[in-house]
């Protein structure tokens, strides 16, 4: 019989920093388009894996001098390289034990819904039968992480763990193996300090309106997120947080367009939680040693850039 302990050990050996397991009944009440039971009706368990975002990958953006590391090593590299490798290893291990395992990576270009607000994308796909939702059904991985007992959803809607605070990204595996589920997280990490909302370059997190849902019998609440403003800031739409002259996405793609660097929901949150001393991942020095930089909102007004970005190598 395959055990939860065996799966967790294998996952961590192959690169996962955190592992939690949810029973499928914890997803009762999920919208059809987001219910993992619609993907794999015979699944007995969902394994949720987390890979940490290196704190150092945020230093260059914090200093305003090197933006590439977070996009590549703290974002895309985890979602598209590291997490899939972990998922493959665990999936193969489970299959070798005689159970089905369906890996779910953290990238959704195929989603049948808007993953920001859960709304169905009309005209994108159609159900294959009257009793089925339109593909692709897309589980919300932060909700899955809550159901697997890894932590809580913070006020910013970013998931917080007692180990890393906001610094992790998730993947999941649905399996027919009946693994022992983890208890739901009983602690409290987010203290509603609102630093996430105050520091967000897109001012995308409401301090007045909230969203409430019920997960696994628990009431969960976060600040209402303006997805349009969030996405715009993420892609460099806030001039005070984007020092690059080029406004065209194709001219700043080298940074993965993650130019805002999660100024509020990750960095300000992380600084606050580290100052409180509540995170298990400890460091010798504080992350923030200087006042955060900010440019004038109209700094690009009279600038006419002439530089053209060329593909180049750096000696390797």
C-alpha atoms as a PDB file:
ATOM      1  CA  UNK A   1       0.000   0.000   0.000  1.00  0.00           C
ATOM      2  CA  UNK A   2       1.349   3.387  -0.993  1.00  0.00           C
ATOM      3  CA  UNK A   3       1.581   5.763   1.977  1.00  0.00           C
ATOM      4  CA  UNK A   4       1.416   9.544   2.281  1.00  0.00           C
ATOM      5  CA  UNK A   5       4.813   9.509   3.996  1.00  0.00           C
ATOM      6  CA  UNK A   6       6.398   7.748   1.009  1.00  0.00           C
ATOM      7  CA  UNK A   7       4.938  10.266  -1.453  1.00  0.00           C
ATOM      8  CA  UNK A   8       6.059  13.254   0.622  1.00  0.00           C
ATOM      9  CA  UNK A   9       9.581  11.913   1.038  1.00  0.00           C
ATOM     10  CA  UNK A  10       9.908  11.265  -2.686  1.00  0.00           C
ATOM     11  CA  UNK A  11       8.534  14.727  -3.572  1.00  0.00           C
ATOM     12  CA  UNK A  12      10.975  16.514  -1.294  1.00  0.00           C
ATOM     13  CA  UNK A  13      13.881  14.390  -2.472  1.00  0.00           C
ATOM     14  CA  UNK A  14      13.067  15.480  -6.022  1.00  0.00           C
ATOM     15  CA  UNK A  15      12.811  19.203  -5.331  1.00  0.00           C
ATOM     16  CA  UNK A  16       9.548  20.104  -3.605  1.00  0.00           C
ATOM     17  CA  UNK A  17       9.925  22.325  -0.557  1.00  0.00           C
ATOM     18  CA  UNK A  18       6.451  21.642   0.840  1.00  0.00           C
ATOM     19  CA  UNK A  19       3.919  18.843   0.326  1.00  0.00           C
ATOM     20  CA  UNK A  20       0.347  18.542   1.553  1.00  0.00           C
ATOM     21  CA  UNK A  21      -2.490  16.134   0.791  1.00  0.00           C
ATOM     22  CA  UNK A  22      -6.198  16.901   0.507  1.00  0.00           C
ATOM     23  CA  UNK A  23      -9.091  14.464   0.415  1.00  0.00           C
ATOM     24  CA  UNK A  24     -11.436  15.078  -2.507  1.00  0.00           C
ATOM     25  CA  UNK A  25     -14.469  15.841  -0.333  1.00  0.00           C
ATOM     26  CA  UNK A  26     -12.776  19.109   0.662  1.00  0.00           C
ATOM     27  CA  UNK A  27     -13.620  20.473  -2.783  1.00  0.00           C
ATOM     28  CA  UNK A  28     -17.363  20.124  -2.254  1.00  0.00           C
ATOM     29  CA  UNK A  29     -19.075  23.299  -3.466  1.00  0.00           C
ATOM     30  CA  UNK A  30     -16.396  24.283  -5.975  1.00  0.00           C
ATOM     31  CA  UNK A  31     -17.686  25.742  -9.280  1.00  0.00           C
ATOM     32  CA  UNK A  32     -17.978  23.100 -12.004  1.00  0.00           C
ATOM     33  CA  UNK A  33     -15.276  24.799 -14.074  1.00  0.00           C
ATOM     34  CA  UNK A  34     -12.823  24.669 -11.125  1.00  0.00           C
ATOM     35  CA  UNK A  35     -13.735  21.404  -9.410  1.00  0.00           C
ATOM     36  CA  UNK A  36     -10.843  18.882  -9.651  1.00  0.00           C
ATOM     37  CA  UNK A  37     -13.333  16.038  -9.177  1.00  0.00           C
ATOM     38  CA  UNK A  38     -14.663  16.892 -12.646  1.00  0.00           C
ATOM     39  CA  UNK A  39     -11.206  16.234 -14.068  1.00  0.00           C
ATOM     40  CA  UNK A  40     -10.645  12.871 -12.398  1.00  0.00           C
ATOM     41  CA  UNK A  41     -13.915  11.564 -10.870  1.00  0.00           C
ATOM     42  CA  UNK A  42     -12.198   8.488  -9.444  1.00  0.00           C
ATOM     43  CA  UNK A  43      -9.446  10.421  -7.658  1.00  0.00           C
ATOM     44  CA  UNK A  44      -9.120   9.707  -3.945  1.00  0.00           C
ATOM     45  CA  UNK A  45      -6.528  12.367  -3.112  1.00  0.00           C
ATOM     46  CA  UNK A  46      -4.929  15.575  -4.318  1.00  0.00           C
ATOM     47  CA  UNK A  47      -1.234  16.056  -3.587  1.00  0.00           C
ATOM     48  CA  UNK A  48      -0.230  19.727  -3.530  1.00  0.00           C
ATOM     49  CA  UNK A  49       3.441  20.579  -3.978  1.00  0.00           C
ATOM     50  CA  UNK A  50       5.192  23.897  -3.354  1.00  0.00           C
ATOM     51  CA  UNK A  51       8.540  25.155  -4.605  1.00  0.00           C
ATOM     52  CA  UNK A  52       9.907  28.197  -2.848  1.00  0.00           C
ATOM     53  CA  UNK A  53      10.620  31.491  -4.580  1.00  0.00           C
ATOM     54  CA  UNK A  54      14.243  32.311  -3.685  1.00  0.00           C
ATOM     55  CA  UNK A  55      14.294  35.447  -1.554  1.00  0.00           C
ATOM     56  CA  UNK A  56      17.460  36.493  -3.367  1.00  0.00           C
ATOM     57  CA  UNK A  57      15.630  36.529  -6.714  1.00  0.00           C
ATOM     58  CA  UNK A  58      13.756  39.609  -5.445  1.00  0.00           C
ATOM     59  CA  UNK A  59      16.843  41.569  -4.386  1.00  0.00           C
ATOM     60  CA  UNK A  60      17.576  43.043  -7.817  1.00  0.00           C
ATOM     61  CA  UNK A  61      14.087  44.494  -8.170  1.00  0.00           C
ATOM     62  CA  UNK A  62      14.183  45.715  -4.570  1.00  0.00           C
ATOM     63  CA  UNK A  63      17.366  47.624  -5.473  1.00  0.00           C
ATOM     64  CA  UNK A  64      16.011  48.665  -8.879  1.00  0.00           C
ATOM     65  CA  UNK A  65      19.073  47.329 -10.665  1.00  0.00           C
ATOM     66  CA  UNK A  66      18.452  43.741 -11.857  1.00  0.00           C
ATOM     67  CA  UNK A  67      14.979  42.602 -12.845  1.00  0.00           C
ATOM     68  CA  UNK A  68      15.690  39.354 -14.688  1.00  0.00           C
ATOM     69  CA  UNK A  69      16.259  37.001 -11.770  1.00  0.00           C
ATOM     70  CA  UNK A  70      12.764  37.163 -10.305  1.00  0.00           C
ATOM     71  CA  UNK A  71      11.080  36.630 -13.676  1.00  0.00           C
ATOM     72  CA  UNK A  72      13.297  33.720 -14.639  1.00  0.00           C
ATOM     73  CA  UNK A  73      14.287  32.048 -11.361  1.00  0.00           C
ATOM     74  CA  UNK A  74      11.439  33.085  -9.089  1.00  0.00           C
ATOM     75  CA  UNK A  75       8.564  32.815 -11.553  1.00  0.00           C
ATOM     76  CA  UNK A  76       8.829  31.172 -14.984  1.00  0.00           C
ATOM     77  CA  UNK A  77      11.678  28.847 -14.007  1.00  0.00           C
ATOM     78  CA  UNK A  78       9.598  27.382 -11.185  1.00  0.00           C
ATOM     79  CA  UNK A  79       6.341  27.125 -13.132  1.00  0.00           C
ATOM     80  CA  UNK A  80       7.794  25.791 -16.388  1.00  0.00           C
ATOM     81  CA  UNK A  81      10.938  23.894 -15.340  1.00  0.00           C
ATOM     82  CA  UNK A  82      11.334  22.971 -11.690  1.00  0.00           C
ATOM     83  CA  UNK A  83       7.736  22.151 -10.764  1.00  0.00           C
ATOM     84  CA  UNK A  84       7.080  19.987 -13.853  1.00  0.00           C
ATOM     85  CA  UNK A  85      10.221  17.976 -13.040  1.00  0.00           C
ATOM     86  CA  UNK A  86       8.948  17.353  -9.511  1.00  0.00           C
ATOM     87  CA  UNK A  87       5.488  16.472 -10.824  1.00  0.00           C
ATOM     88  CA  UNK A  88       6.919  13.962 -13.296  1.00  0.00           C
ATOM     89  CA  UNK A  89       8.987  12.261 -10.595  1.00  0.00           C
ATOM     90  CA  UNK A  90       6.084  11.916  -8.167  1.00  0.00           C
ATOM     91  CA  UNK A  91       3.655  10.897 -10.920  1.00  0.00           C
ATOM     92  CA  UNK A  92       5.982   8.118 -12.072  1.00  0.00           C
ATOM     93  CA  UNK A  93       6.475   6.945  -8.488  1.00  0.00           C
ATOM     94  CA  UNK A  94       2.726   6.685  -7.951  1.00  0.00           C
ATOM     95  CA  UNK A  95       2.190   4.910 -11.285  1.00  0.00           C
ATOM     96  CA  UNK A  96       4.928   2.415 -10.418  1.00  0.00           C
ATOM     97  CA  UNK A  97       2.908   1.629  -7.280  1.00  0.00           C
ATOM     98  CA  UNK A  98      -0.086   0.788  -9.474  1.00  0.00           C
ATOM     99  CA  UNK A  99      -2.195   3.941  -9.132  1.00  0.00           C
ATOM    100  CA  UNK A 100      -3.160   6.588 -11.650  1.00  0.00           C
ATOM    101  CA  UNK A 101      -1.699  10.053 -11.171  1.00  0.00           C
ATOM    102  CA  UNK A 102      -2.677  13.185 -13.093  1.00  0.00           C
ATOM    103  CA  UNK A 103      -0.154  16.068 -12.828  1.00  0.00           C
ATOM    104  CA  UNK A 104      -1.346  19.700 -12.874  1.00  0.00           C
ATOM    105  CA  UNK A 105       1.340  22.312 -13.461  1.00  0.00           C
ATOM    106  CA  UNK A 106       1.048  25.999 -12.606  1.00  0.00           C
ATOM    107  CA  UNK A 107       0.428  27.484 -16.045  1.00  0.00           C
ATOM    108  CA  UNK A 108      -2.982  27.775 -17.624  1.00  0.00           C
ATOM    109  CA  UNK A 109      -2.969  28.943 -21.262  1.00  0.00           C
ATOM    110  CA  UNK A 110      -5.554  26.215 -21.847  1.00  0.00           C
ATOM    111  CA  UNK A 111      -8.022  27.213 -19.115  1.00  0.00           C
ATOM    112  CA  UNK A 112     -11.720  27.270 -19.967  1.00  0.00           C
ATOM    113  CA  UNK A 113     -12.232  30.031 -17.404  1.00  0.00           C
ATOM    114  CA  UNK A 114     -10.594  33.287 -16.444  1.00  0.00           C
ATOM    115  CA  UNK A 115      -8.358  32.009 -13.635  1.00  0.00           C
ATOM    116  CA  UNK A 116      -8.316  35.452 -11.987  1.00  0.00           C
ATOM    117  CA  UNK A 117     -12.060  35.648 -11.362  1.00  0.00           C
ATOM    118  CA  UNK A 118     -13.357  32.146 -12.134  1.00  0.00           C
ATOM    119  CA  UNK A 119     -15.663  33.297 -14.930  1.00  0.00           C
ATOM    120  CA  UNK A 120     -16.290  31.020 -17.895  1.00  0.00           C
ATOM    121  CA  UNK A 121     -14.693  32.058 -21.184  1.00  0.00           C
ATOM    122  CA  UNK A 122     -17.563  32.083 -23.645  1.00  0.00           C
ATOM    123  CA  UNK A 123     -16.721  30.794 -27.110  1.00  0.00           C
ATOM    124  CA  UNK A 124     -13.509  29.119 -25.938  1.00  0.00           C
ATOM    125  CA  UNK A 125     -14.697  25.495 -25.760  1.00  0.00           C
ATOM    126  CA  UNK A 126     -17.831  23.399 -25.430  1.00  0.00           C
ATOM    127  CA  UNK A 127     -18.799  20.506 -23.121  1.00  0.00           C
ATOM    128  CA  UNK A 128     -18.351  17.033 -24.571  1.00  0.00           C
ATOM    129  CA  UNK A 129     -21.564  15.888 -22.824  1.00  0.00           C
ATOM    130  CA  UNK A 130     -24.565  17.625 -21.193  1.00  0.00           C
ATOM    131  CA  UNK A 131     -23.448  16.687 -17.678  1.00  0.00           C
ATOM    132  CA  UNK A 132     -19.866  17.904 -18.079  1.00  0.00           C
ATOM    133  CA  UNK A 133     -18.323  21.397 -17.793  1.00  0.00           C
ATOM    134  CA  UNK A 134     -16.484  22.832 -20.794  1.00  0.00           C
ATOM    135  CA  UNK A 135     -12.754  22.059 -20.949  1.00  0.00           C
ATOM    136  CA  UNK A 136     -10.311  22.768 -19.629  1.00  0.00           C
ATOM    137  CA  UNK A 137     -11.476  22.567 -16.012  1.00  0.00           C
ATOM    138  CA  UNK A 138      -8.968  24.576 -13.978  1.00  0.00           C
ATOM    139  CA  UNK A 139      -8.456  23.978 -10.251  1.00  0.00           C
ATOM    140  CA  UNK A 140      -7.430  27.027  -8.224  1.00  0.00           C
ATOM    141  CA  UNK A 141      -4.052  25.968  -6.836  1.00  0.00           C
ATOM    142  CA  UNK A 142      -4.142  28.375  -3.889  1.00  0.00           C
ATOM    143  CA  UNK A 143      -7.469  26.894  -2.831  1.00  0.00           C
ATOM    144  CA  UNK A 144      -5.969  23.433  -3.322  1.00  0.00           C
ATOM    145  CA  UNK A 145      -3.036  24.418  -1.094  1.00  0.00           C
ATOM    146  CA  UNK A 146      -5.498  25.516   1.605  1.00  0.00           C
ATOM    147  CA  UNK A 147      -7.393  22.228   1.289  1.00  0.00           C
ATOM    148  CA  UNK A 148      -4.081  20.378   1.651  1.00  0.00           C
ATOM    149  CA  UNK A 149      -3.258  22.148   4.913  1.00  0.00           C
ATOM    150  CA  UNK A 150      -0.205  24.071   3.704  1.00  0.00           C
ATOM    151  CA  UNK A 151      -1.230  27.471   5.067  1.00  0.00           C
ATOM    152  CA  UNK A 152      -3.767  30.212   4.447  1.00  0.00           C
ATOM    153  CA  UNK A 153      -4.820  32.685   1.766  1.00  0.00           C
ATOM    154  CA  UNK A 154      -3.662  36.156   2.820  1.00  0.00           C
ATOM    155  CA  UNK A 155      -5.553  39.415   2.444  1.00  0.00           C
ATOM    156  CA  UNK A 156      -3.854  40.009  -0.930  1.00  0.00           C
ATOM    157  CA  UNK A 157      -5.161  36.630  -2.200  1.00  0.00           C
ATOM    158  CA  UNK A 158      -1.563  35.407  -2.259  1.00  0.00           C
ATOM    159  CA  UNK A 159      -1.086  32.145  -0.381  1.00  0.00           C
ATOM    160  CA  UNK A 160       0.957  32.264   2.823  1.00  0.00           C
ATOM    161  CA  UNK A 161       2.799  29.365   4.438  1.00  0.00           C
ATOM    162  CA  UNK A 162       4.411  29.326   7.880  1.00  0.00           C
ATOM    163  CA  UNK A 163       7.697  28.388   6.227  1.00  0.00           C
ATOM    164  CA  UNK A 164       8.049  31.032   3.494  1.00  0.00           C
ATOM    165  CA  UNK A 165       5.167  33.466   3.861  1.00  0.00           C
ATOM    166  CA  UNK A 166       4.208  34.476   0.274  1.00  0.00           C
ATOM    167  CA  UNK A 167       7.311  32.958  -1.357  1.00  0.00           C
ATOM    168  CA  UNK A 168       6.179  29.789  -3.151  1.00  0.00           C
ATOM    169  CA  UNK A 169       4.444  28.492  -6.247  1.00  0.00           C
ATOM    170  CA  UNK A 170       2.272  25.414  -6.475  1.00  0.00           C
ATOM    171  CA  UNK A 171       1.590  22.335  -8.549  1.00  0.00           C
ATOM    172  CA  UNK A 172      -0.720  19.396  -7.856  1.00  0.00           C
ATOM    173  CA  UNK A 173      -1.354  15.748  -8.612  1.00  0.00           C
ATOM    174  CA  UNK A 174      -4.733  14.009  -8.627  1.00  0.00           C
ATOM    175  CA  UNK A 175      -4.397  10.335  -7.820  1.00  0.00           C
ATOM    176  CA  UNK A 176      -6.506   7.244  -7.313  1.00  0.00           C
ATOM    177  CA  UNK A 177      -4.272   6.338  -4.375  1.00  0.00           C
ATOM    178  CA  UNK A 178      -6.167   6.673  -1.058  1.00  0.00           C
ATOM    179  CA  UNK A 179      -3.568   8.756   0.785  1.00  0.00           C
ATOM    180  CA  UNK A 180      -4.064  10.057   4.316  1.00  0.00           C
ATOM    181  CA  UNK A 181      -5.013  13.754   4.121  1.00  0.00           C
ATOM    182  CA  UNK A 182      -3.269  16.433   6.158  1.00  0.00           C
ATOM    183  CA  UNK A 183      -5.250  18.461   8.681  1.00  0.00           C
ATOM    184  CA  UNK A 184      -6.248  21.968   7.668  1.00  0.00           C
ATOM    185  CA  UNK A 185      -3.884  24.715   8.820  1.00  0.00           C
ATOM    186  CA  UNK A 186      -4.912  25.973  12.250  1.00  0.00           C
ATOM    187  CA  UNK A 187      -2.466  28.852  12.641  1.00  0.00           C
ATOM    188  CA  UNK A 188      -2.709  32.522  11.691  1.00  0.00           C
ATOM    189  CA  UNK A 189      -0.148  34.209   9.474  1.00  0.00           C
ATOM    190  CA  UNK A 190      -1.894  37.216   7.906  1.00  0.00           C
ATOM    191  CA  UNK A 191      -2.673  39.910  10.493  1.00  0.00           C
ATOM    192  CA  UNK A 192      -4.432  42.242   8.037  1.00  0.00           C
ATOM    193  CA  UNK A 193      -1.648  44.827   8.255  1.00  0.00           C
ATOM    194  CA  UNK A 194      -2.656  45.982   4.731  1.00  0.00           C
ATOM    195  CA  UNK A 195       0.961  46.514   3.661  1.00  0.00           C
ATOM    196  CA  UNK A 196       0.153  44.471   0.536  1.00  0.00           C
ATOM    197  CA  UNK A 197      -2.545  46.936  -0.511  1.00  0.00           C
ATOM    198  CA  UNK A 198      -0.552  50.033   0.444  1.00  0.00           C
ATOM    199  CA  UNK A 199       2.565  49.006  -1.491  1.00  0.00           C
ATOM    200  CA  UNK A 200       0.880  47.561  -4.614  1.00  0.00           C
ATOM    201  CA  UNK A 201       2.016  49.655  -7.581  1.00  0.00           C
ATOM    202  CA  UNK A 202      -1.276  48.958  -9.335  1.00  0.00           C
ATOM    203  CA  UNK A 203      -3.399  49.745  -6.283  1.00  0.00           C
ATOM    204  CA  UNK A 204      -5.245  46.562  -7.191  1.00  0.00           C
ATOM    205  CA  UNK A 205      -6.143  45.297  -3.703  1.00  0.00           C
ATOM    206  CA  UNK A 206      -9.221  46.852  -2.150  1.00  0.00           C
ATOM    207  CA  UNK A 207      -9.011  47.856   1.518  1.00  0.00           C
ATOM    208  CA  UNK A 208     -12.806  48.075   1.753  1.00  0.00           C
ATOM    209  CA  UNK A 209     -14.301  45.211  -0.253  1.00  0.00           C
ATOM    210  CA  UNK A 210     -13.600  41.543   0.375  1.00  0.00           C
ATOM    211  CA  UNK A 211     -14.374  38.186  -1.223  1.00  0.00           C
ATOM    212  CA  UNK A 212     -15.638  35.337   0.934  1.00  0.00           C
ATOM    213  CA  UNK A 213     -15.811  31.670   0.015  1.00  0.00           C
ATOM    214  CA  UNK A 214     -16.105  28.389   1.910  1.00  0.00           C
ATOM    215  CA  UNK A 215     -13.389  25.742   1.571  1.00  0.00           C
ATOM    216  CA  UNK A 216     -13.510  22.390   3.333  1.00  0.00           C
ATOM    217  CA  UNK A 217     -16.028  23.723   5.833  1.00  0.00           C
ATOM    218  CA  UNK A 218     -13.993  26.854   6.580  1.00  0.00           C
ATOM    219  CA  UNK A 219     -14.861  30.463   5.744  1.00  0.00           C
ATOM    220  CA  UNK A 220     -12.016  32.094   3.822  1.00  0.00           C
ATOM    221  CA  UNK A 221     -11.804  35.798   3.006  1.00  0.00           C
ATOM    222  CA  UNK A 222      -9.438  38.085   1.111  1.00  0.00           C
ATOM    223  CA  UNK A 223      -9.410  41.618  -0.259  1.00  0.00           C
ATOM    224  CA  UNK A 224     -11.205  42.100  -3.548  1.00  0.00           C
ATOM    225  CA  UNK A 225      -8.638  42.122  -6.343  1.00  0.00           C
ATOM    226  CA  UNK A 226      -8.888  44.266  -9.460  1.00  0.00           C
ATOM    227  CA  UNK A 227      -7.381  41.784 -11.915  1.00  0.00           C
ATOM    228  CA  UNK A 228      -7.017  44.352 -14.699  1.00  0.00           C
ATOM    229  CA  UNK A 229      -5.000  46.743 -12.522  1.00  0.00           C
ATOM    230  CA  UNK A 230      -2.972  43.868 -11.104  1.00  0.00           C
ATOM    231  CA  UNK A 231      -2.069  42.558 -14.550  1.00  0.00           C
ATOM    232  CA  UNK A 232      -1.232  46.012 -15.864  1.00  0.00           C
ATOM    233  CA  UNK A 233       1.163  46.709 -12.996  1.00  0.00           C
ATOM    234  CA  UNK A 234       2.713  43.254 -13.285  1.00  0.00           C
ATOM    235  CA  UNK A 235       3.540  43.963 -16.935  1.00  0.00           C
ATOM    236  CA  UNK A 236       5.169  47.306 -16.169  1.00  0.00           C
ATOM    237  CA  UNK A 237       2.099  49.511 -16.476  1.00  0.00           C
ATOM    238  CA  UNK A 238       2.941  51.529 -13.357  1.00  0.00           C
ATOM    239  CA  UNK A 239       5.640  54.009 -14.502  1.00  0.00           C
ATOM    240  CA  UNK A 240       6.862  54.657 -10.963  1.00  0.00           C
ATOM    241  CA  UNK A 241       7.756  50.943 -10.662  1.00  0.00           C
ATOM    242  CA  UNK A 242       9.113  50.442 -14.213  1.00  0.00           C
ATOM    243  CA  UNK A 243      12.486  52.035 -15.072  1.00  0.00           C
ATOM    244  CA  UNK A 244      12.539  50.754 -18.664  1.00  0.00           C
ATOM    245  CA  UNK A 245      11.940  53.197 -21.491  1.00  0.00           C
ATOM    246  CA  UNK A 246      10.277  50.761 -23.854  1.00  0.00           C
ATOM    247  CA  UNK A 247       6.514  50.417 -23.427  1.00  0.00           C
ATOM    248  CA  UNK A 248       6.064  47.724 -26.055  1.00  0.00           C
ATOM    249  CA  UNK A 249       5.880  44.243 -24.484  1.00  0.00           C
ATOM    250  CA  UNK A 250       8.162  42.769 -27.149  1.00  0.00           C
ATOM    251  CA  UNK A 251      10.931  45.131 -26.044  1.00  0.00           C
ATOM    252  CA  UNK A 252      10.841  44.121 -22.400  1.00  0.00           C
ATOM    253  CA  UNK A 253      10.156  40.406 -22.797  1.00  0.00           C
ATOM    254  CA  UNK A 254      13.639  39.587 -21.499  1.00  0.00           C
ATOM    255  CA  UNK A 255      12.369  40.276 -17.996  1.00  0.00           C
ATOM    256  CA  UNK A 256       9.304  38.109 -18.442  1.00  0.00           C
ATOM    257  CA  UNK A 257       7.320  41.315 -17.991  1.00  0.00           C
ATOM    258  CA  UNK A 258       7.248  40.737 -14.219  1.00  0.00           C
ATOM    259  CA  UNK A 259       8.518  44.271 -13.796  1.00  0.00           C
ATOM    260  CA  UNK A 260       6.553  45.304 -10.737  1.00  0.00           C
ATOM    261  CA  UNK A 261       8.181  42.518  -8.778  1.00  0.00           C
ATOM    262  CA  UNK A 262       5.173  41.788  -6.550  1.00  0.00           C
ATOM    263  CA  UNK A 263       5.943  44.984  -4.649  1.00  0.00           C
ATOM    264  CA  UNK A 264       2.965  44.690  -2.298  1.00  0.00           C
ATOM    265  CA  UNK A 265       1.602  41.157  -2.275  1.00  0.00           C
ATOM    266  CA  UNK A 266       4.999  39.494  -1.952  1.00  0.00           C
ATOM    267  CA  UNK A 267       7.783  41.904  -0.960  1.00  0.00           C
ATOM    268  CA  UNK A 268       5.924  44.162   1.487  1.00  0.00           C
ATOM    269  CA  UNK A 269       4.154  41.136   2.955  1.00  0.00           C
ATOM    270  CA  UNK A 270       7.411  39.216   3.312  1.00  0.00           C
ATOM    271  CA  UNK A 271       9.176  42.161   4.969  1.00  0.00           C
ATOM    272  CA  UNK A 272       6.336  42.532   7.470  1.00  0.00           C
ATOM    273  CA  UNK A 273       6.188  38.832   8.350  1.00  0.00           C
ATOM    274  CA  UNK A 274       9.970  38.598   8.700  1.00  0.00           C
ATOM    275  CA  UNK A 275      10.024  41.635  10.975  1.00  0.00           C
ATOM    276  CA  UNK A 276       7.407  39.924  13.139  1.00  0.00           C
ATOM    277  CA  UNK A 277       9.605  36.820  13.238  1.00  0.00           C
ATOM    278  CA  UNK A 278       6.776  34.436  12.386  1.00  0.00           C
ATOM    279  CA  UNK A 279       8.338  32.608   9.410  1.00  0.00           C
ATOM    280  CA  UNK A 280      10.368  29.424   9.794  1.00  0.00           C
ATOM    281  CA  UNK A 281      12.770  30.261   6.949  1.00  0.00           C
ATOM    282  CA  UNK A 282      15.194  32.572   8.808  1.00  0.00           C
ATOM    283  CA  UNK A 283      17.935  34.821   7.409  1.00  0.00           C
ATOM    284  CA  UNK A 284      21.037  36.430   8.893  1.00  0.00           C
ATOM    285  CA  UNK A 285      20.200  39.859   7.484  1.00  0.00           C
ATOM    286  CA  UNK A 286      16.902  41.688   6.873  1.00  0.00           C
ATOM    287  CA  UNK A 287      15.691  41.808   3.278  1.00  0.00           C
ATOM    288  CA  UNK A 288      14.920  45.519   3.273  1.00  0.00           C
ATOM    289  CA  UNK A 289      17.807  47.740   4.324  1.00  0.00           C
ATOM    290  CA  UNK A 290      16.908  50.891   2.411  1.00  0.00           C
ATOM    291  CA  UNK A 291      13.775  52.847   1.642  1.00  0.00           C
ATOM    292  CA  UNK A 292      12.006  51.338  -1.394  1.00  0.00           C
ATOM    293  CA  UNK A 293      12.708  53.243  -4.604  1.00  0.00           C
ATOM    294  CA  UNK A 294      10.040  54.895  -6.732  1.00  0.00           C
ATOM    295  CA  UNK A 295      10.191  57.002  -9.878  1.00  0.00           C
ATOM    296  CA  UNK A 296       7.982  60.028 -10.649  1.00  0.00           C
ATOM    297  CA  UNK A 297       4.779  58.815 -12.308  1.00  0.00           C
ATOM    298  CA  UNK A 298       5.409  61.088 -15.327  1.00  0.00           C
ATOM    299  CA  UNK A 299       9.120  60.389 -15.778  1.00  0.00           C
ATOM    300  CA  UNK A 300       8.644  59.020 -19.330  1.00  0.00           C
ATOM    301  CA  UNK A 301       6.635  61.997 -20.542  1.00  0.00           C
ATOM    302  CA  UNK A 302       9.416  63.819 -22.372  1.00  0.00           C
ATOM    303  CA  UNK A 303      11.681  60.862 -23.087  1.00  0.00           C
ATOM    304  CA  UNK A 304      12.132  59.572 -26.619  1.00  0.00           C
ATOM    305  CA  UNK A 305      14.210  56.400 -26.383  1.00  0.00           C
ATOM    306  CA  UNK A 306      16.476  55.532 -29.294  1.00  0.00           C
ATOM    307  CA  UNK A 307      17.977  52.281 -28.058  1.00  0.00           C
ATOM    308  CA  UNK A 308      16.984  49.077 -29.839  1.00  0.00           C
ATOM    309  CA  UNK A 309      17.119  45.810 -27.982  1.00  0.00           C
ATOM    310  CA  UNK A 310      19.184  43.149 -29.740  1.00  0.00           C
ATOM    311  CA  UNK A 311      19.548  39.514 -28.890  1.00  0.00           C
ATOM    312  CA  UNK A 312      22.937  39.033 -27.284  1.00  0.00           C
ATOM    313  CA  UNK A 313      24.923  36.633 -25.164  1.00  0.00           C
ATOM    314  CA  UNK A 314      27.036  37.307 -22.125  1.00  0.00           C
ATOM    315  CA  UNK A 315      29.951  35.025 -22.796  1.00  0.00           C
ATOM    316  CA  UNK A 316      28.097  31.811 -21.988  1.00  0.00           C
END
